[in-house]
């Protein structure tokens, strides 16, 4: 009996040293920091699935014309679309042209949008960009990225959104959701939003570019969430190469 117990203890010790008693989980390959982790065929399949589910995706900001779209996107910085929509219902009912907005005045604009973040500075920008549109563009929203970015409060992302939604240009507006997804799943990794935009422009097939940023934003907002991706509900879970992908997928 003593000899049997000794042998058992020896085996247990050896197993513990060798790791045989507790098999290691397979290591997941790290994603490249510069190259897409997908083949052309896999990228085609990813966007084909997005297209099949929602052929004509739409942004969630409410607007009535290119001007109000521009204002809504400017107001959406560091704010939710839901919050912006609540604020702009009354604002756009009172003023839906640059002339009407300038006539409304900064104080009134501020009162309409005071429920969203950075509202004081945003009110100044809305009046300033409205004045610039009147002075430089005949009160029309220009279909030109550089002209748009020259307006107060308008960055590259805002310009891309307006060009895409208002004018149908195949631009890709990289917000926090797209930046996260592009890096998380290895679709178009990049250290800056400009780098991610350029990478997405390169890898996304031309026929999908018109709606690509809408699909990716909605995917990041409702499925591939920041804190915990919902891989079980993911349309592309079987293709996804993210190290964060859960086993449930």
Protein backbone atom coordinates (compact mmCIF):
# COMPACT_ATOMS: atom_id res chain seq x y z
CA UNK A 1 0.00 0.00 0.00
CA UNK A 2 2.81 2.42 0.93
CA UNK A 3 4.58 1.72 -2.38
CA UNK A 4 1.35 2.37 -4.34
CA UNK A 5 0.76 5.72 -2.62
CA UNK A 6 4.35 6.80 -3.28
CA UNK A 7 4.01 5.92 -6.97
CA UNK A 8 0.75 7.87 -7.18
CA UNK A 9 2.30 10.93 -5.56
CA UNK A 10 5.29 10.72 -7.90
CA UNK A 11 3.03 10.58 -10.96
CA UNK A 12 1.00 13.53 -9.72
CA UNK A 13 4.16 15.55 -9.19
CA UNK A 14 5.47 14.65 -12.62
CA UNK A 15 2.12 15.52 -14.21
CA UNK A 16 2.10 18.88 -12.46
CA UNK A 17 5.63 19.63 -13.69
CA UNK A 18 4.92 18.57 -17.24
CA UNK A 19 1.53 20.27 -17.37
CA UNK A 20 -0.16 17.08 -18.55
CA UNK A 21 -2.87 17.30 -15.91
CA UNK A 22 -4.14 20.67 -17.25
CA UNK A 23 -3.92 21.03 -21.06
CA UNK A 24 -3.13 24.51 -22.26
CA UNK A 25 -5.60 26.41 -24.43
CA UNK A 26 -4.31 26.99 -27.95
CA UNK A 27 -2.66 30.37 -28.43
CA UNK A 28 -4.43 32.88 -30.67
CA UNK A 29 -2.30 34.49 -33.32
CA UNK A 30 -1.68 38.19 -32.83
CA UNK A 31 -3.15 40.42 -35.51
CA UNK A 32 -0.86 42.42 -37.75
CA UNK A 33 -0.54 46.08 -36.81
CA UNK A 34 -0.17 47.16 -40.44
CA UNK A 35 -1.80 44.61 -42.78
CA UNK A 36 -5.34 43.35 -43.06
CA UNK A 37 -5.82 39.88 -41.60
CA UNK A 38 -8.26 38.87 -44.34
CA UNK A 39 -8.06 37.66 -47.90
CA UNK A 40 -9.89 39.50 -50.68
CA UNK A 41 -12.46 36.71 -50.75
CA UNK A 42 -13.07 37.01 -47.00
CA UNK A 43 -13.53 40.78 -47.22
CA UNK A 44 -15.95 40.32 -50.12
CA UNK A 45 -17.91 37.86 -48.00
CA UNK A 46 -17.97 40.19 -44.98
CA UNK A 47 -19.49 43.07 -46.91
CA UNK A 48 -21.74 40.80 -48.97
CA UNK A 49 -23.33 39.69 -45.71
CA UNK A 50 -23.75 43.27 -44.49
CA UNK A 51 -25.34 44.15 -47.82
CA UNK A 52 -27.67 41.14 -47.80
CA UNK A 53 -28.92 42.04 -44.32
CA UNK A 54 -29.37 45.76 -44.98
CA UNK A 55 -28.93 46.87 -48.62
CA UNK A 56 -29.66 50.55 -47.95
CA UNK A 57 -28.38 51.42 -44.45
CA UNK A 58 -29.07 54.90 -43.14
CA UNK A 59 -27.48 57.05 -40.49
CA UNK A 60 -29.48 57.67 -37.34
CA UNK A 61 -29.20 61.46 -37.26
CA UNK A 62 -32.37 63.32 -38.25
CA UNK A 63 -32.13 66.06 -40.90
CA UNK A 64 -34.23 67.68 -43.62
CA UNK A 65 -31.62 68.90 -46.11
CA UNK A 66 -27.82 68.97 -46.60
CA UNK A 67 -27.50 72.01 -44.35
CA UNK A 68 -29.31 70.48 -41.39
CA UNK A 69 -27.33 67.25 -41.94
CA UNK A 70 -24.12 69.26 -41.68
CA UNK A 71 -25.29 70.95 -38.48
CA UNK A 72 -26.43 67.64 -36.97
CA UNK A 73 -23.08 65.97 -37.65
CA UNK A 74 -21.19 68.92 -36.14
CA UNK A 75 -23.38 68.67 -33.04
CA UNK A 76 -22.87 64.89 -32.79
CA UNK A 77 -19.21 65.18 -31.74
CA UNK A 78 -18.90 63.58 -28.29
CA UNK A 79 -22.67 63.15 -28.15
CA UNK A 80 -25.10 60.36 -29.01
CA UNK A 81 -27.30 60.48 -32.10
CA UNK A 82 -30.34 60.07 -29.86
CA UNK A 83 -29.34 63.08 -27.79
CA UNK A 84 -28.63 65.19 -30.88
CA UNK A 85 -31.98 64.27 -32.44
CA UNK A 86 -33.83 65.41 -29.32
CA UNK A 87 -32.02 68.75 -29.41
CA UNK A 88 -32.37 69.40 -33.14
CA UNK A 89 -36.11 68.73 -33.47
CA UNK A 90 -36.89 72.16 -32.10
CA UNK A 91 -33.79 73.77 -33.60
CA UNK A 92 -34.54 72.67 -37.17
CA UNK A 93 -38.22 73.57 -36.79
CA UNK A 94 -37.04 77.11 -36.02
CA UNK A 95 -34.20 77.28 -38.56
CA UNK A 96 -33.38 74.91 -41.41
CA UNK A 97 -31.29 77.26 -43.59
CA UNK A 98 -28.08 79.20 -42.91
CA UNK A 99 -29.96 82.51 -43.14
CA UNK A 100 -32.62 81.40 -40.66
CA UNK A 101 -29.97 80.06 -38.28
CA UNK A 102 -28.02 83.33 -38.29
CA UNK A 103 -31.26 85.23 -37.72
CA UNK A 104 -32.09 82.91 -34.83
CA UNK A 105 -28.86 83.88 -33.13
CA UNK A 106 -26.26 82.15 -30.99
CA UNK A 107 -28.15 82.48 -27.71
CA UNK A 108 -31.26 80.79 -29.10
CA UNK A 109 -29.19 78.04 -30.72
CA UNK A 110 -27.49 77.49 -27.38
CA UNK A 111 -30.84 77.14 -25.64
CA UNK A 112 -32.00 74.53 -28.16
CA UNK A 113 -28.88 72.36 -27.83
CA UNK A 114 -27.99 72.82 -24.14
CA UNK A 115 -28.77 69.15 -23.41
CA UNK A 116 -25.79 67.93 -25.45
CA UNK A 117 -22.10 68.10 -24.62
CA UNK A 118 -19.97 71.15 -25.42
CA UNK A 119 -23.12 73.03 -26.39
CA UNK A 120 -21.67 76.53 -25.92
CA UNK A 121 -18.81 76.01 -28.34
CA UNK A 122 -21.05 74.08 -30.74
CA UNK A 123 -23.56 76.94 -30.82
CA UNK A 124 -20.74 79.32 -31.81
CA UNK A 125 -19.65 76.94 -34.57
CA UNK A 126 -23.18 76.53 -35.93
CA UNK A 127 -23.57 80.30 -36.29
CA UNK A 128 -20.03 80.72 -37.68
CA UNK A 129 -20.38 77.96 -40.27
CA UNK A 130 -23.78 79.33 -41.29
CA UNK A 131 -22.24 82.76 -41.83
CA UNK A 132 -19.40 81.19 -43.84
CA UNK A 133 -21.87 79.32 -46.05
CA UNK A 134 -23.73 82.54 -46.77
CA UNK A 135 -20.57 84.54 -47.44
CA UNK A 136 -18.61 81.97 -49.44
CA UNK A 137 -21.01 79.42 -50.92
CA UNK A 138 -24.29 81.17 -51.66
CA UNK A 139 -25.83 79.60 -48.52
CA UNK A 140 -25.36 76.13 -50.05
CA UNK A 141 -23.39 73.20 -48.61
CA UNK A 142 -20.39 72.65 -50.92
CA UNK A 143 -19.72 69.25 -52.45
CA UNK A 144 -16.01 69.53 -51.77
CA UNK A 145 -14.05 68.09 -48.85
CA UNK A 146 -11.56 70.95 -48.55
CA UNK A 147 -14.33 73.57 -48.65
CA UNK A 148 -16.28 71.67 -46.00
CA UNK A 149 -13.25 71.29 -43.74
CA UNK A 150 -12.64 75.03 -43.97
CA UNK A 151 -15.95 75.62 -42.18
CA UNK A 152 -15.87 76.18 -38.38
CA UNK A 153 -16.32 72.95 -36.42
CA UNK A 154 -16.01 70.71 -39.49
CA UNK A 155 -13.30 68.04 -39.55
CA UNK A 156 -12.53 65.30 -42.05
CA UNK A 157 -14.99 62.83 -40.51
CA UNK A 158 -17.85 65.35 -40.65
CA UNK A 159 -16.97 66.27 -44.23
CA UNK A 160 -16.95 62.60 -45.24
CA UNK A 161 -20.34 61.98 -43.63
CA UNK A 162 -21.90 64.95 -45.46
CA UNK A 163 -20.34 63.97 -48.80
CA UNK A 164 -21.54 60.40 -48.38
CA UNK A 165 -25.09 61.00 -47.16
CA UNK A 166 -25.99 64.29 -48.82
CA UNK A 167 -24.25 63.76 -52.15
CA UNK A 168 -23.81 59.99 -52.47
CA UNK A 169 -20.02 60.03 -52.63
CA UNK A 170 -18.31 56.74 -51.63
CA UNK A 171 -16.44 58.29 -48.71
CA UNK A 172 -15.60 56.46 -45.48
CA UNK A 173 -16.07 58.42 -42.27
CA UNK A 174 -14.03 56.86 -39.47
CA UNK A 175 -15.61 57.39 -36.05
CA UNK A 176 -14.74 55.69 -32.76
CA UNK A 177 -16.76 52.58 -33.66
CA UNK A 178 -15.06 52.08 -37.02
CA UNK A 179 -11.61 52.82 -35.58
CA UNK A 180 -12.19 50.20 -32.88
CA UNK A 181 -13.53 47.53 -35.23
CA UNK A 182 -10.88 48.05 -37.91
CA UNK A 183 -8.18 47.40 -35.30
CA UNK A 184 -10.02 44.86 -33.13
CA UNK A 185 -10.80 42.41 -35.91
CA UNK A 186 -7.75 43.24 -38.03
CA UNK A 187 -9.76 44.42 -41.03
CA UNK A 188 -7.82 47.65 -41.56
CA UNK A 189 -5.46 48.31 -38.65
CA UNK A 190 -3.99 51.75 -38.15
CA UNK A 191 -2.73 53.98 -35.35
CA UNK A 192 -4.75 57.03 -36.41
CA UNK A 193 -8.19 57.61 -37.89
CA UNK A 194 -6.57 58.85 -41.10
CA UNK A 195 -4.50 55.67 -41.36
CA UNK A 196 -7.58 53.51 -40.80
CA UNK A 197 -9.54 55.48 -43.40
CA UNK A 198 -6.77 55.05 -45.99
CA UNK A 199 -6.54 51.33 -45.19
CA UNK A 200 -10.29 50.82 -45.50
CA UNK A 201 -10.27 52.69 -48.81
CA UNK A 202 -7.67 50.21 -50.01
CA UNK A 203 -9.25 46.94 -48.89
CA UNK A 204 -13.02 47.51 -49.25
CA UNK A 205 -14.32 46.53 -52.71
CA UNK A 206 -15.52 49.54 -54.73
CA UNK A 207 -19.10 48.28 -55.00
CA UNK A 208 -19.47 48.33 -51.20
CA UNK A 209 -17.80 51.68 -50.40
CA UNK A 210 -20.99 53.75 -50.63
CA UNK A 211 -22.49 52.07 -47.56
CA UNK A 212 -19.40 50.57 -45.90
CA UNK A 213 -19.06 53.10 -43.08
CA UNK A 214 -22.77 52.81 -42.21
CA UNK A 215 -22.52 49.04 -41.93
CA UNK A 216 -19.40 49.24 -39.80
CA UNK A 217 -20.78 51.97 -37.51
CA UNK A 218 -24.00 50.07 -36.88
CA UNK A 219 -22.04 46.85 -36.34
CA UNK A 220 -19.81 48.57 -33.79
CA UNK A 221 -22.69 50.30 -32.06
CA UNK A 222 -24.98 47.29 -31.63
CA UNK A 223 -22.90 44.11 -32.05
CA UNK A 224 -19.12 44.55 -31.79
CA UNK A 225 -19.51 46.79 -28.75
CA UNK A 226 -16.61 48.49 -27.01
CA UNK A 227 -16.81 46.73 -23.64
CA UNK A 228 -17.97 43.30 -24.74
CA UNK A 229 -18.53 42.19 -28.33
CA UNK A 230 -21.73 40.21 -28.84
CA UNK A 231 -20.14 37.46 -30.90
CA UNK A 232 -23.18 35.18 -30.71
CA UNK A 233 -25.22 37.79 -32.61
CA UNK A 234 -22.41 38.64 -35.04
CA UNK A 235 -23.07 38.21 -38.73
CA UNK A 236 -19.40 37.58 -39.50
CA UNK A 237 -18.32 35.64 -36.39
CA UNK A 238 -17.15 32.63 -38.40
CA UNK A 239 -14.87 34.86 -40.50
CA UNK A 240 -13.72 37.19 -37.72
CA UNK A 241 -10.08 36.82 -36.63
CA UNK A 242 -10.21 38.97 -33.50
CA UNK A 243 -8.38 37.58 -30.45
CA UNK A 244 -11.35 38.91 -28.44
CA UNK A 245 -13.82 36.65 -30.21
CA UNK A 246 -15.66 34.50 -27.66
CA UNK A 247 -15.81 30.72 -27.88
CA UNK A 248 -19.61 30.93 -27.98
CA UNK A 249 -19.38 32.17 -31.54
